[in-house]
Protein backbone atom coordinates (compact mmCIF):
# COMPACT_ATOMS: atom_id res chain seq x y z
CA MET A 1 -1.84 19.90 18.51
CA ASN A 2 -2.54 18.34 21.91
CA TYR A 3 0.82 19.00 23.55
CA ASP A 4 3.00 21.92 24.63
CA VAL A 5 5.92 22.06 22.19
CA LEU A 6 8.23 23.63 24.78
CA SER A 7 7.71 20.61 27.07
CA THR A 8 7.96 18.02 24.30
CA LEU A 9 10.78 15.70 23.26
CA PHE A 10 10.82 15.07 19.52
CA VAL A 11 12.19 11.66 18.54
CA GLY A 12 13.10 10.64 15.00
CA ILE A 13 13.70 6.99 14.11
CA ASP A 14 15.40 5.87 10.92
CA VAL A 15 14.15 2.31 10.42
CA SER A 16 15.81 -0.51 8.50
CA SER A 17 15.36 -4.27 8.54
CA LEU A 18 18.23 -4.77 11.00
CA THR A 19 18.63 -1.53 12.95
CA ASN A 20 16.78 1.51 14.29
CA THR A 21 18.69 4.79 14.49
CA ILE A 22 17.42 7.24 17.12
CA CYS A 23 17.75 11.00 17.39
CA ALA A 24 15.89 13.09 19.99
CA ILE A 25 15.76 16.89 20.17
CA ASP A 26 13.74 19.53 21.96
CA PHE A 27 11.95 22.53 20.49
CA HIS A 28 15.16 24.59 20.68
CA ASN A 29 17.02 21.96 18.63
CA ASN A 30 19.11 20.69 21.53
CA LYS A 31 20.08 17.05 20.94
CA PHE A 32 19.45 14.60 23.82
CA LEU A 33 19.65 11.15 22.21
CA ASP A 34 21.75 9.89 19.31
CA PHE A 35 22.30 6.13 18.96
CA ASP A 36 21.30 3.02 17.05
CA THR A 37 20.18 -0.40 18.16
CA LYS A 38 18.85 -3.63 16.70
CA ASN A 39 15.38 -3.70 15.15
CA ASN A 40 13.97 -6.38 17.47
CA ARG A 41 12.07 -6.54 20.74
CA VAL A 42 15.21 -6.15 22.88
CA GLY A 43 16.27 -3.12 20.86
CA ALA A 44 12.78 -1.63 21.07
CA GLN A 45 12.81 -1.97 24.85
CA TYR A 46 16.20 -0.25 24.95
CA ILE A 47 14.73 2.63 22.92
CA ALA A 48 11.71 2.92 25.23
CA ASP A 49 13.97 2.93 28.31
CA ALA A 50 16.29 5.56 26.82
CA ILE A 51 13.39 7.84 25.85
CA SER A 52 11.74 7.38 29.26
CA ASN A 53 14.94 8.18 31.15
CA CYS A 54 15.49 11.26 28.99
CA LEU A 55 11.93 12.49 29.59
CA VAL A 56 12.27 12.10 33.34
CA SER A 57 15.77 13.55 33.73
CA HIS A 58 15.02 16.64 31.62
CA ASN A 59 11.45 17.22 32.88
CA PHE A 60 9.67 16.75 29.57
CA GLU A 61 5.90 16.26 29.75
CA PHE A 62 5.21 14.91 26.27
CA VAL A 63 6.95 12.90 23.57
CA VAL A 64 6.40 12.85 19.80
CA ILE A 65 7.94 9.89 17.98
CA ALA A 66 8.17 9.97 14.19
CA LEU A 67 9.45 7.34 11.79
CA GLU A 68 9.19 6.61 8.10
CA SER A 69 6.66 4.05 6.97
CA THR A 70 9.24 1.53 5.75
CA SER A 71 7.36 -1.42 4.30
CA PHE A 72 6.53 -3.68 7.27
CA TYR A 73 9.81 -3.05 9.10
CA SER A 74 8.41 0.01 10.90
CA THR A 75 5.25 -1.73 12.08
CA HIS A 76 6.59 -3.46 15.19
CA ILE A 77 8.60 -0.53 16.54
CA ALA A 78 5.67 1.88 16.03
CA ASN A 79 3.29 -0.50 17.78
CA PHE A 80 5.78 -1.21 20.58
CA LEU A 81 6.47 2.43 21.43
CA SER A 82 2.83 3.52 21.17
CA THR A 83 1.85 0.94 23.81
CA SER A 84 4.98 1.06 26.01
CA LYS A 85 4.02 1.31 29.70
CA LYS A 86 7.11 3.41 30.38
CA LEU A 87 6.05 6.01 27.82
CA LEU A 88 2.30 6.09 28.47
CA PRO A 89 2.60 8.70 31.30
CA PHE A 90 4.03 11.08 28.71
CA LYS A 91 1.10 10.67 26.30
CA PRO A 92 3.23 9.48 23.36
CA PHE A 93 2.23 10.50 19.84
CA VAL A 94 3.67 8.03 17.34
CA TYR A 95 3.55 8.89 13.64
CA GLN A 96 4.46 6.92 10.54
CA LEU A 97 5.49 9.34 7.80
CA ASN A 98 5.61 9.10 4.03
CA PRO A 99 9.26 8.49 2.99
CA LYS A 100 8.85 10.83 -0.02
CA THR A 101 7.82 13.66 2.28
CA ILE A 102 10.92 13.15 4.44
CA ALA A 103 13.17 12.87 1.37
CA ASN A 104 11.89 16.21 0.09
CA TYR A 105 12.30 17.82 3.52
CA LYS A 106 15.86 16.50 3.74
CA LYS A 107 16.75 18.45 0.57
CA THR A 108 16.26 21.69 2.50
CA PHE A 109 19.26 20.86 4.74
CA VAL A 110 22.00 22.36 2.59
CA ASP A 111 24.48 23.30 5.32
CA ILE A 112 24.39 20.31 7.64
CA ASP A 113 27.10 17.69 8.15
CA LYS A 114 26.46 14.36 6.41
CA THR A 115 26.49 12.30 9.60
CA ASP A 116 25.53 8.64 9.84
CA HIS A 117 22.45 9.59 11.87
CA LEU A 118 21.33 12.43 9.61
CA ASP A 119 18.08 10.75 8.52
CA ALA A 120 16.97 10.24 12.12
CA TYR A 121 17.71 13.88 12.88
CA VAL A 122 15.77 15.07 9.80
CA ILE A 123 12.75 13.06 10.91
CA ALA A 124 12.96 14.48 14.44
CA ASP A 125 13.27 18.02 13.06
CA PHE A 126 10.30 17.45 10.77
CA ALA A 127 8.24 16.67 13.88
CA ARG A 128 9.76 19.61 15.82
CA CYS A 129 8.70 22.07 13.12
CA GLY A 130 5.08 20.91 13.32
CA LYS A 131 4.96 19.62 9.77
CA ILE A 132 3.21 16.34 10.58
CA SER A 133 -0.31 16.37 9.14
CA SER A 134 -1.15 12.66 9.39
CA SER A 135 -3.03 10.97 12.22
CA PRO A 136 -1.18 9.23 15.07
CA TRP A 137 -0.47 5.51 14.87
CA ARG A 138 -3.51 3.56 15.99
CA GLY A 139 -1.72 0.42 16.97
CA SER A 140 -3.35 -2.96 16.63
CA GLN A 141 -6.59 -1.68 15.08
CA PHE A 142 -4.69 0.08 12.31
CA LEU A 143 -2.43 -2.91 11.72
CA ALA A 144 -5.36 -5.33 11.60
CA LEU A 145 -7.29 -3.18 9.11
CA GLN A 146 -4.17 -2.57 7.02
CA ARG A 147 -3.37 -6.28 6.72
CA LEU A 148 -6.98 -7.20 5.91
CA THR A 149 -7.41 -4.55 3.22
CA ARG A 150 -4.03 -5.34 1.66
CA HIS A 151 -4.84 -9.05 1.71
CA ARG A 152 -8.17 -8.30 0.01
CA PHE A 153 -6.32 -6.35 -2.69
CA HIS A 154 -3.96 -9.32 -3.11
CA LEU A 155 -6.91 -11.72 -3.47
CA VAL A 156 -8.70 -9.47 -6.00
CA HIS A 157 -5.50 -9.06 -8.01
CA THR A 158 -5.06 -12.84 -8.03
CA LEU A 159 -8.70 -13.31 -9.03
CA VAL A 160 -8.36 -10.94 -12.01
CA SER A 161 -5.19 -12.71 -13.10
CA GLU A 162 -6.85 -16.13 -12.84
CA LYS A 163 -9.87 -14.96 -14.84
CA ASN A 164 -7.63 -13.61 -17.61
CA TRP A 165 -5.77 -16.92 -17.68
CA LEU A 166 -9.03 -18.84 -17.81
CA LEU A 167 -10.35 -16.63 -20.59
CA SER A 168 -7.40 -17.60 -22.80
CA ASN A 169 -8.21 -21.29 -22.32
CA ILE A 170 -11.92 -20.69 -22.91
CA TYR A 171 -11.07 -19.03 -26.22
CA LEU A 172 -9.05 -22.06 -27.27
CA LYS A 173 -11.87 -24.47 -26.47
CA PHE A 174 -14.95 -22.35 -27.26
CA SER A 175 -13.85 -19.24 -29.17
CA GLU A 176 -17.30 -17.71 -29.67
CA LEU A 177 -18.05 -17.92 -25.95
CA ALA A 178 -14.95 -15.91 -25.06
CA VAL A 179 -15.38 -12.99 -27.46
CA ASN A 180 -17.74 -10.08 -26.93
CA ASN A 181 -20.59 -10.04 -29.42
CA LYS A 182 -24.36 -9.60 -29.30
CA ASP A 183 -24.99 -13.29 -30.02
CA LYS A 184 -23.24 -14.59 -26.91
CA PRO A 185 -25.48 -17.05 -25.05
CA PHE A 186 -24.23 -15.96 -21.60
CA SER A 187 -23.60 -12.41 -20.43
CA ASP A 188 -21.19 -13.73 -17.78
CA VAL A 189 -18.65 -16.16 -19.18
CA PHE A 190 -17.60 -16.97 -15.59
CA GLY A 191 -21.17 -17.66 -14.43
CA ALA A 192 -22.58 -20.99 -13.27
CA THR A 193 -24.21 -21.96 -16.59
CA SER A 194 -21.14 -21.05 -18.60
CA CYS A 195 -19.00 -23.02 -16.15
CA ALA A 196 -21.22 -26.09 -16.54
CA THR A 197 -21.13 -25.78 -20.34
CA LEU A 198 -17.34 -25.58 -20.44
CA THR A 199 -16.70 -28.38 -17.97
CA GLU A 200 -19.49 -30.89 -18.66
CA PHE A 201 -19.30 -30.97 -22.46
CA TYR A 202 -16.08 -32.65 -23.56
CA SER A 203 -16.04 -30.96 -26.97
CA LEU A 204 -18.12 -28.50 -28.99
CA ASP A 205 -19.53 -31.26 -31.19
CA GLU A 206 -21.44 -32.61 -28.17
CA ILE A 207 -23.27 -29.28 -28.00
CA VAL A 208 -23.84 -29.13 -31.77
CA TYR A 209 -25.37 -32.60 -31.93
CA LYS A 210 -27.50 -32.21 -28.81
CA SER A 211 -31.17 -31.48 -29.49
CA ILE A 212 -32.57 -28.04 -28.68
CA ASP A 213 -34.96 -29.62 -26.17
CA ASP A 214 -32.15 -31.37 -24.30
CA LEU A 215 -29.94 -28.27 -24.47
CA THR A 216 -32.80 -26.11 -23.19
CA GLN A 217 -33.31 -28.47 -20.26
CA PHE A 218 -29.58 -28.29 -19.54
CA VAL A 219 -29.72 -24.47 -19.48
CA ILE A 220 -32.77 -24.49 -17.18
CA VAL A 221 -31.18 -26.88 -14.68
CA LYS A 222 -27.73 -25.27 -14.61
CA SER A 223 -29.09 -21.72 -14.36
CA LYS A 224 -31.75 -22.74 -11.82
CA ASN A 225 -34.32 -21.41 -14.29
CA ARG A 226 -33.01 -17.84 -14.14
CA PHE A 227 -33.16 -17.14 -17.89
CA ASN A 228 -36.31 -15.47 -19.21
CA ASP A 229 -36.07 -17.41 -22.48
CA PRO A 230 -33.99 -20.59 -22.02
CA VAL A 231 -34.89 -21.77 -25.54
CA GLU A 232 -33.23 -18.69 -27.02
CA VAL A 233 -30.18 -19.23 -24.83
CA ALA A 234 -29.95 -22.86 -25.96
CA THR A 235 -30.29 -21.79 -29.59
CA LEU A 236 -27.55 -19.18 -29.23
CA LEU A 237 -25.34 -21.73 -27.45
CA LYS A 238 -25.73 -24.24 -30.29
CA GLN A 239 -25.02 -21.55 -32.90
CA ALA A 240 -21.94 -20.34 -30.99
CA ALA A 241 -20.64 -23.91 -30.88
CA LYS A 242 -21.12 -24.25 -34.64
CA ASN A 243 -19.29 -20.98 -35.33
CA SER A 244 -16.33 -21.67 -33.04
CA TYR A 245 -12.97 -23.01 -34.11
CA ARG A 246 -12.24 -26.70 -33.70
CA LEU A 247 -9.18 -28.31 -32.16
CA ASP A 248 -7.63 -31.71 -32.55
CA LYS A 249 -9.23 -34.18 -30.13
CA VAL A 250 -5.98 -34.59 -28.20
CA ALA A 251 -6.19 -30.95 -27.02
CA TYR A 252 -9.62 -31.12 -25.40
CA GLU A 253 -8.79 -33.17 -22.31
CA PRO A 254 -5.87 -30.94 -21.16
CA LEU A 255 -7.98 -27.82 -21.80
CA ASN A 256 -10.93 -29.29 -19.88
CA ILE A 257 -8.69 -30.06 -16.91
CA ALA A 258 -7.17 -26.55 -16.96
CA ILE A 259 -10.57 -24.86 -17.32
CA ALA A 260 -12.14 -26.89 -14.49
CA SER A 261 -9.15 -26.14 -12.27
CA SER A 262 -9.38 -22.40 -12.94
CA PHE A 263 -13.08 -22.36 -12.13
CA ASN A 264 -12.33 -24.08 -8.81
CA VAL A 265 -9.62 -21.51 -8.04
CA ILE A 266 -11.97 -18.63 -8.92
CA LYS A 267 -14.71 -20.04 -6.71
CA ALA A 268 -12.26 -20.41 -3.81
CA LEU A 269 -10.92 -16.86 -4.27
CA GLU A 270 -14.42 -15.36 -4.40
CA LYS A 271 -15.32 -17.22 -1.22
CA GLU A 272 -12.19 -15.94 0.54
CA ILE A 273 -12.88 -12.36 -0.59
CA LYS A 274 -16.37 -12.56 0.97
CA THR A 275 -14.83 -13.88 4.20
CA VAL A 276 -12.32 -11.02 4.28
CA ASP A 277 -15.08 -8.48 3.50
CA LYS A 278 -17.03 -9.66 6.54
CA ALA A 279 -13.90 -9.45 8.70
CA ILE A 280 -13.22 -5.88 7.49
CA GLU A 281 -16.81 -4.85 8.17
CA LYS A 282 -16.67 -6.36 11.67
CA LEU A 283 -13.36 -4.62 12.45
CA VAL A 284 -14.56 -1.22 11.20
CA LEU A 285 -17.79 -1.44 13.20
CA SER A 286 -15.92 -2.45 16.35
CA SER A 287 -13.42 0.39 15.83
CA LEU A 288 -16.25 2.93 15.83
CA PHE A 289 -16.75 2.21 19.52
CA CYS A 290 -13.05 2.52 20.40
CA VAL A 291 -11.48 5.69 21.68
CA PHE A 292 -8.00 6.17 20.32
């Protein structure tokens, strides 16, 4: 704790998409602020002014501001107050709290009036009692890292979904290539050689009727000669094509289009994930030199 609790104003903010409800108390549970305002820049400035005026008029030296982490609705107000020039002289500590923690703490208030601003008061009291164990809001650096990591999760989730979708189409066109068995020609069904096989051969019969020499050369070129025994790979590929189910000719063109499209999507997603990884690494390294 880097502040004197007896000289600190504890502010609780109940955040919603449209409004912010404010309650401010001191260590002795005296209430100084109790109002609500719009959740926009004008409203945020009104909150900063009200807190600043209260700090000055009642000779507070520090301010602790706590609010629930409410999706993305709490992001702007937390960032605004943590960087407000009016509040900086009072060394503001801004915290985003887990809503479940506040909900459980609220259950301990069994003899309090059910006022409209109860949630804001509960949050302020939670801060007053020294129950906050999380780190203070880190402003833009935190927000930037949060958005990048969440976007990476979104991309990975989309990639997994696309691969599962592609796998269903691969099974329809080339059933033996999609199932897991020891005679699979490719260990990675989403790899470059597998991709070329699925997109460059119109049907399985083209693979079956192709000579081993020509098929071996195809494997060497598409894999950039990365297989230890390309002849064995070509042999397994031909055998897998023979053992796979056949479809009516009318089904191959739609499947080929869908498979090629999915491979393009996967390639684009993997490229974007690498770009985001580099951005995350750069941000983390730069943050190591920042003093929060």
